[in-house]
Amino acid sequence: MASIHDVAKEAGVSVATVSKVLNDYPDVSDKTRKKVNMVIEQLHYHPNVVARGLVKRRSWTVGVLLTVPFTNPFVAELLEGIKTALENSGYDLVRLSTRFDDPNYSFIKHCRSRNVEGVVVFGVERDNPSIEELLNSDIPTMFVDTDIIGKRAGYITTDNQNAIQMSVKHLYELGHQKIAYISGTLGPSIANMRLEGYKEGLKNCNLPYVTSYLEVCDYSFDEGAAAMRRLLQLEDPPTGVVCTSDLAAFGAIYEIERHGLRVPEDVSVVGFDNTYHAQVFKPNLTTINQNIYSIGIKSIECLIGLIENPDFSPPVITEPSELIVRQTTASPSVLV
């Protein structure tokens, strides 16, 4: 394996000059820089990243903080986008574990101990003490689906409110008058914005907001099914349901069919995410596409911008959403 000394000898320069080329110092001529880089390629020399980090006080490592299970399809696609963005960036990724139940736990100290240069955060409540600690630090941060801004923190999210409005409008235009909503746990901004989208969507269609048509779940299959079970037990159950996630929609469909009803003939269902599973689930799920993969890519691109440029303004990005119509929505079998 070639060493930095081998590169210096072959290029006819000093070891210090090779080090300057590797660390992008400006006081090296283009001719020398080109020659050194050519020798590096010829000898297949791989610089010691740890040593370079000691010189520049850099780790070239970013962290990701997730409280949502990796088995969640949203998380899987988000991480795929993050991985793609990192592949040619020169940065590595570390998953940061948490101990939020420990009163002596400090997320900032944890980040320092792992020597991460920036963090992507998803699924952490905005009132978590670690969030305030993070915002008061100088660690570059990109939040996903949480609208938080700090001196070194930005966020990226989907046009959540408009997305739910589109879902309600779609069902209304099919002829549905009784449209329910299975919401995420209320409190976090994303859930509140989607609920407002549901209410606004009903208002735009001149439909009343019926409190019994609102159910809350935690975005999971099981709770989506439980929420749908309660809706079906109503004296006047809905004919259309908008769900806060694809997983909740799958649970709702399971429960509808378990009750001997058909989707979409008896009850139409709309999901939210457009994960891969929405395309292979039977029937194929009508859902909101929120470009999860793109969100993963852009979260890293913005984070690297914050890391490498102290004057880079914390970005606020809202990704457009799109309704993907498939097989789980149709006109109600009996128009009401």
Protein backbone atom coordinates (compact mmCIF):
# COMPACT_ATOMS: atom_id res chain seq x y z
CA MET A 1 0.00 0.00 0.00
CA ALA A 2 1.44 3.35 -1.08
CA SER A 3 2.28 5.94 1.56
CA ILE A 4 2.45 9.71 1.43
CA HIS A 5 6.24 9.37 1.26
CA ASP A 6 5.92 7.23 -1.89
CA VAL A 7 3.74 9.88 -3.50
CA ALA A 8 6.21 12.65 -2.59
CA LYS A 9 9.15 10.70 -3.98
CA GLU A 10 7.40 9.81 -7.26
CA ALA A 11 6.14 13.36 -7.77
CA GLY A 12 9.50 14.90 -6.88
CA VAL A 13 8.06 17.09 -4.14
CA SER A 14 8.16 17.20 -0.36
CA VAL A 15 5.77 15.36 1.93
CA ALA A 16 4.55 18.77 3.10
CA THR A 17 3.60 19.67 -0.47
CA VAL A 18 1.62 16.45 -0.88
CA SER A 19 -0.17 17.21 2.40
CA LYS A 20 -1.03 20.72 1.15
CA VAL A 21 -2.52 19.26 -2.02
CA LEU A 22 -4.58 16.77 -0.03
CA ASN A 23 -5.87 19.51 2.25
CA ASP A 24 -6.57 22.01 -0.53
CA TYR A 25 -4.07 24.65 0.55
CA PRO A 26 -4.00 27.56 -1.91
CA ASP A 27 -0.22 28.08 -1.95
CA VAL A 28 0.47 25.24 -4.40
CA SER A 29 0.81 25.90 -8.13
CA ASP A 30 -1.71 24.33 -10.50
CA LYS A 31 1.13 22.47 -12.23
CA THR A 32 2.34 20.90 -8.99
CA ARG A 33 -1.20 20.16 -7.81
CA LYS A 34 -1.98 18.38 -11.09
CA LYS A 35 1.25 16.35 -10.94
CA VAL A 36 0.66 15.25 -7.33
CA ASN A 37 -2.93 14.26 -8.03
CA MET A 38 -1.82 12.23 -11.04
CA VAL A 39 0.72 10.31 -8.93
CA ILE A 40 -1.90 9.76 -6.19
CA GLU A 41 -4.15 8.16 -8.80
CA GLN A 42 -1.33 6.09 -10.34
CA LEU A 43 -0.23 4.71 -6.96
CA HIS A 44 -3.82 4.25 -5.72
CA TYR A 45 -2.89 6.20 -2.61
CA HIS A 46 -5.63 6.59 -0.01
CA PRO A 47 -4.97 9.34 2.55
CA ASN A 48 -5.52 8.65 6.22
CA VAL A 49 -8.82 10.38 6.97
CA VAL A 50 -8.15 10.42 10.69
CA ALA A 51 -4.79 12.10 10.18
CA ARG A 52 -6.34 14.67 7.85
CA GLY A 53 -9.01 15.30 10.41
CA LEU A 54 -6.39 16.04 13.06
CA VAL A 55 -4.70 18.53 10.75
CA LYS A 56 -7.90 20.38 9.80
CA ARG A 57 -9.81 19.58 12.99
CA ARG A 58 -12.43 17.89 10.86
CA SER A 59 -14.10 14.48 11.13
CA TRP A 60 -16.05 14.48 7.84
CA THR A 61 -18.84 12.75 9.76
CA VAL A 62 -22.49 13.73 10.12
CA GLY A 63 -25.03 12.24 12.49
CA VAL A 64 -28.66 11.27 12.08
CA LEU A 65 -31.04 11.29 15.03
CA LEU A 66 -34.17 9.21 14.48
CA THR A 67 -36.74 8.21 17.06
CA VAL A 68 -38.95 6.45 14.49
CA PRO A 69 -38.26 2.71 13.92
CA PHE A 70 -36.04 1.86 10.96
CA THR A 71 -38.77 -0.56 9.82
CA ASN A 72 -41.04 2.40 9.05
CA PRO A 73 -41.17 2.74 5.22
CA PHE A 74 -40.80 6.53 5.46
CA VAL A 75 -37.55 6.17 7.41
CA ALA A 76 -36.23 3.58 4.95
CA GLU A 77 -36.73 5.94 1.98
CA LEU A 78 -35.43 8.95 3.90
CA LEU A 79 -32.23 7.07 4.76
CA GLU A 80 -31.85 5.94 1.15
CA GLY A 81 -31.89 9.59 0.06
CA ILE A 82 -29.39 10.49 2.80
CA LYS A 83 -27.13 7.65 1.71
CA THR A 84 -27.24 8.75 -1.92
CA ALA A 85 -26.36 12.33 -1.04
CA LEU A 86 -23.41 11.21 1.09
CA GLU A 87 -21.89 8.80 -1.43
CA ASN A 88 -19.72 11.35 -3.22
CA SER A 89 -19.63 14.03 -0.56
CA GLY A 90 -16.60 12.84 1.39
CA TYR A 91 -18.70 12.54 4.55
CA ASP A 92 -19.64 9.45 6.53
CA LEU A 93 -22.81 8.87 8.53
CA VAL A 94 -23.28 7.77 12.14
CA ARG A 95 -26.59 6.95 13.77
CA LEU A 96 -26.86 8.78 17.09
CA SER A 97 -28.56 6.89 19.90
CA THR A 98 -30.42 8.76 22.63
CA ARG A 99 -31.23 8.47 26.30
CA PHE A 100 -33.98 11.06 26.60
CA ASP A 101 -35.29 9.35 29.75
CA ASP A 102 -32.02 10.12 31.55
CA PRO A 103 -32.21 13.57 33.25
CA ASN A 104 -28.42 13.86 33.09
CA TYR A 105 -28.25 13.08 29.39
CA SER A 106 -26.89 15.79 27.09
CA PHE A 107 -27.41 15.34 23.36
CA ILE A 108 -24.79 18.01 22.63
CA LYS A 109 -22.16 16.19 24.69
CA HIS A 110 -23.11 13.02 22.84
CA CYS A 111 -22.59 14.76 19.49
CA ARG A 112 -19.24 16.09 20.68
CA SER A 113 -18.14 12.66 21.84
CA ARG A 114 -18.93 11.23 18.40
CA ASN A 115 -17.19 14.19 16.76
CA VAL A 116 -20.03 14.79 14.28
CA GLU A 117 -19.91 18.02 12.30
CA GLY A 118 -23.67 18.28 11.76
CA VAL A 119 -26.94 16.48 12.46
CA VAL A 120 -30.13 15.53 10.62
CA VAL A 121 -33.05 15.19 13.07
CA PHE A 122 -36.36 13.43 12.43
CA GLY A 123 -39.14 12.35 14.78
CA VAL A 124 -38.09 14.32 17.89
CA GLU A 125 -40.78 16.48 19.51
CA ARG A 126 -40.06 20.21 19.39
CA ASP A 127 -40.51 20.53 23.18
CA ASN A 128 -37.78 17.96 23.88
CA PRO A 129 -35.06 19.64 26.00
CA SER A 130 -32.39 18.32 23.62
CA ILE A 131 -33.87 20.39 20.80
CA GLU A 132 -33.39 23.65 22.70
CA GLU A 133 -29.89 22.52 23.64
CA LEU A 134 -29.15 21.81 19.98
CA LEU A 135 -30.52 25.16 18.81
CA ASN A 136 -28.34 27.02 21.31
CA SER A 137 -25.23 25.22 20.11
CA ASP A 138 -23.09 25.87 17.05
CA ILE A 139 -23.76 22.41 15.58
CA PRO A 140 -25.25 22.68 12.05
CA THR A 141 -28.64 20.96 12.01
CA MET A 142 -31.35 20.10 9.50
CA PHE A 143 -34.75 19.11 10.86
CA VAL A 144 -37.04 16.93 8.76
CA ASP A 145 -40.79 17.60 9.11
CA THR A 146 -40.36 19.90 12.10
CA ASP A 147 -40.51 23.64 11.42
CA ILE A 148 -37.72 24.79 13.71
CA ILE A 149 -35.20 27.53 12.90
CA GLY A 150 -32.03 28.37 14.79
CA LYS A 151 -28.84 30.30 14.19
CA ARG A 152 -27.31 27.14 12.66
CA ALA A 153 -30.48 25.10 12.07
CA GLY A 154 -32.93 24.89 9.19
CA TYR A 155 -35.66 22.49 8.16
CA ILE A 156 -37.22 20.70 5.21
CA THR A 157 -40.78 19.49 5.04
CA THR A 158 -43.69 18.76 2.71
CA ASP A 159 -46.60 21.03 1.88
CA ASN A 160 -48.62 19.11 4.46
CA GLN A 161 -51.69 21.29 4.72
CA ASN A 162 -52.26 21.54 0.98
CA ALA A 163 -51.68 17.80 0.59
CA ILE A 164 -54.54 16.89 2.92
CA GLN A 165 -56.77 19.45 1.22
CA MET A 166 -56.08 17.71 -2.10
CA SER A 167 -57.06 14.37 -0.57
CA VAL A 168 -60.38 15.72 0.73
CA LYS A 169 -61.12 17.41 -2.58
CA HIS A 170 -60.39 14.18 -4.47
CA LEU A 171 -62.89 12.21 -2.37
CA TYR A 172 -65.48 14.97 -2.62
CA GLU A 173 -65.20 15.11 -6.40
CA LEU A 174 -65.81 11.35 -6.48
CA GLY A 175 -69.11 11.98 -4.69
CA HIS A 176 -68.18 11.40 -1.04
CA GLN A 177 -69.98 13.55 1.54
CA LYS A 178 -68.94 11.69 4.68
CA ILE A 179 -65.16 12.00 4.82
CA ALA A 180 -63.25 11.02 7.97
CA TYR A 181 -59.65 11.73 8.91
CA ILE A 182 -57.21 9.46 10.74
CA SER A 183 -54.70 11.95 12.13
CA GLY A 184 -51.26 11.57 13.59
CA THR A 185 -50.80 12.30 17.30
CA LEU A 186 -51.76 15.94 17.75
CA GLY A 187 -49.27 18.41 19.15
CA PRO A 188 -46.33 18.20 16.72
CA SER A 189 -46.54 20.86 14.01
CA ILE A 190 -46.79 18.37 11.15
CA ALA A 191 -49.90 16.72 12.64
CA ASN A 192 -51.50 20.07 13.40
CA MET A 193 -50.89 21.35 9.88
CA ARG A 194 -52.40 18.23 8.35
CA LEU A 195 -55.46 18.50 10.60
CA GLU A 196 -55.89 22.12 9.51
CA GLY A 197 -55.66 20.90 5.93
CA TYR A 198 -58.49 18.45 6.61
CA LYS A 199 -60.70 21.13 8.15
CA GLU A 200 -59.93 23.59 5.37
CA GLY A 201 -60.56 20.91 2.76
CA LEU A 202 -64.01 20.23 4.21
CA LYS A 203 -64.74 23.95 4.28
CA ASN A 204 -63.73 24.36 0.64
CA CYS A 205 -66.17 21.56 -0.27
CA ASN A 206 -68.96 23.02 1.87
CA LEU A 207 -68.90 19.94 4.10
CA PRO A 208 -69.34 20.13 7.89
CA TYR A 209 -66.54 19.22 10.29
CA VAL A 210 -67.89 16.26 12.30
CA THR A 211 -65.82 15.64 15.43
CA SER A 212 -66.68 11.94 15.49
CA TYR A 213 -65.02 11.62 12.07
CA LEU A 214 -61.64 12.54 13.55
CA GLU A 215 -59.51 9.71 14.90
CA VAL A 216 -55.92 9.90 16.14
CA CYS A 217 -53.20 7.27 15.78
CA ASP A 218 -49.41 7.06 15.86
CA TYR A 219 -48.92 6.52 12.09
CA SER A 220 -48.69 2.72 12.55
CA PHE A 221 -50.59 -0.15 10.94
CA ASP A 222 -52.12 -1.36 14.20
CA GLU A 223 -53.36 2.05 15.32
CA GLY A 224 -54.64 2.81 11.84
CA ALA A 225 -56.70 -0.37 12.05
CA ALA A 226 -57.95 0.52 15.55
CA ALA A 227 -58.95 4.01 14.40
CA MET A 228 -60.83 2.58 11.42
CA ARG A 229 -62.61 0.10 13.69
CA ARG A 230 -63.98 2.97 15.76
CA LEU A 231 -65.12 4.83 12.65
CA LEU A 232 -66.97 1.76 11.36
CA GLN A 233 -68.79 1.45 14.68
CA LEU A 234 -70.36 4.89 14.27
CA GLU A 235 -74.09 5.07 13.65
CA ASP A 236 -73.35 6.89 10.39
CA PRO A 237 -69.87 5.69 9.30
CA PRO A 238 -67.85 7.51 6.64
CA THR A 239 -67.60 6.42 3.01
CA GLY A 240 -64.19 8.04 2.53
CA VAL A 241 -61.16 8.19 4.82
CA VAL A 242 -57.99 10.28 4.59
CA CYS A 243 -55.08 8.79 6.55
CA THR A 244 -52.00 10.48 7.95
CA SER A 245 -49.60 7.82 6.65
CA ASP A 246 -49.48 4.87 4.28
CA LEU A 247 -49.04 2.50 7.21
CA ALA A 248 -52.18 3.82 8.89
CA ALA A 249 -54.01 3.50 5.55
CA PHE A 250 -52.94 -0.15 5.22
CA GLY A 251 -54.28 -0.78 8.73
CA ALA A 252 -57.55 0.97 7.84
CA ILE A 253 -57.99 -1.13 4.71
CA TYR A 254 -57.30 -4.31 6.67
CA GLU A 255 -60.02 -3.37 9.17
CA ILE A 256 -62.53 -2.42 6.46
CA GLU A 257 -62.09 -5.79 4.75
CA ARG A 258 -62.20 -7.59 8.10
CA HIS A 259 -65.68 -6.12 8.53
CA GLY A 260 -66.78 -7.66 5.24
CA LEU A 261 -66.65 -4.38 3.34
CA ARG A 262 -64.82 -3.60 0.11
CA VAL A 263 -62.22 -0.99 -0.80
CA PRO A 264 -62.98 1.18 -2.70
CA GLU A 265 -66.58 0.12 -3.44
CA ASP A 266 -67.82 0.58 0.13
CA VAL A 267 -65.11 2.78 1.64
CA SER A 268 -62.43 4.78 -0.18
CA VAL A 269 -59.04 5.28 1.49
CA VAL A 270 -56.26 7.81 0.86
CA GLY A 271 -52.79 7.45 2.40
CA PHE A 272 -49.88 9.83 2.90
CA ASP A 273 -46.22 9.19 1.96
CA ASN A 274 -46.26 7.21 -1.31
CA THR A 275 -43.78 4.69 0.01
CA TYR A 276 -42.76 1.76 -2.19
CA HIS A 277 -45.36 -0.41 -0.45
CA ALA A 278 -48.18 1.81 -1.73
CA GLN A 279 -47.46 0.55 -5.25
CA VAL A 280 -47.39 -3.17 -4.40
CA PHE A 281 -50.13 -3.29 -1.74
CA LYS A 282 -53.37 -4.80 -3.06
CA PRO A 283 -55.35 -2.78 -3.91
CA ASN A 284 -52.71 -0.22 -4.92
CA LEU A 285 -52.98 2.72 -2.54
CA THR A 286 -54.13 6.19 -3.57
CA THR A 287 -51.80 8.43 -1.59
CA ILE A 288 -49.92 11.69 -1.28
CA ASN A 289 -46.41 11.65 -2.72
CA GLN A 290 -44.16 13.78 -0.55
CA ASN A 291 -40.84 13.01 -2.30
CA ILE A 292 -39.24 11.32 0.72
CA TYR A 293 -36.12 10.30 -1.19
CA SER A 294 -35.61 13.89 -2.38
CA ILE A 295 -36.11 15.18 1.16
CA GLY A 296 -33.31 12.87 2.32
CA ILE A 297 -30.97 14.13 -0.39
CA LYS A 298 -31.72 17.80 0.19
CA SER A 299 -31.42 17.51 3.96
CA ILE A 300 -27.80 16.38 3.55
CA GLU A 301 -26.98 18.88 0.83
CA CYS A 302 -28.23 21.71 3.04
CA LEU A 303 -26.46 20.31 6.10
CA ILE A 304 -23.13 20.20 4.26
CA GLY A 305 -23.74 23.78 3.14
CA LEU A 306 -24.17 24.80 6.78
CA ILE A 307 -21.05 22.87 7.80
CA GLU A 308 -18.74 24.21 5.13
CA ASN A 309 -19.94 27.80 5.03
CA PRO A 310 -20.44 29.63 8.35
CA ASP A 311 -22.30 32.39 6.47
CA PHE A 312 -24.76 29.96 4.89
CA SER A 313 -28.26 30.99 5.97
CA PRO A 314 -30.25 28.14 7.59
CA PRO A 315 -32.56 26.98 4.80
CA VAL A 316 -36.32 26.56 4.97
CA ILE A 317 -37.54 24.20 2.24
CA THR A 318 -41.09 23.09 1.53
CA GLU A 319 -41.26 20.24 -0.95
CA PRO A 320 -44.34 20.18 -3.19
CA SER A 321 -46.79 17.32 -2.71
CA GLU A 322 -48.79 15.42 -5.30
CA LEU A 323 -51.85 13.18 -5.14
CA ILE A 324 -51.20 9.79 -6.73
CA VAL A 325 -54.55 8.19 -7.66
CA ARG A 326 -54.56 4.40 -7.69
CA GLN A 327 -57.08 1.71 -6.76
CA THR A 328 -58.31 2.53 -3.24
CA THR A 329 -60.56 5.45 -4.18
CA ALA A 330 -63.76 5.47 -6.25
CA SER A 331 -67.28 6.89 -6.18
CA PRO A 332 -69.32 5.54 -3.24
CA SER A 333 -71.55 2.62 -4.13
CA VAL A 334 -74.55 4.52 -2.77
CA LEU A 335 -74.45 8.27 -3.34
CA VAL A 336 -75.51 10.27 -0.28
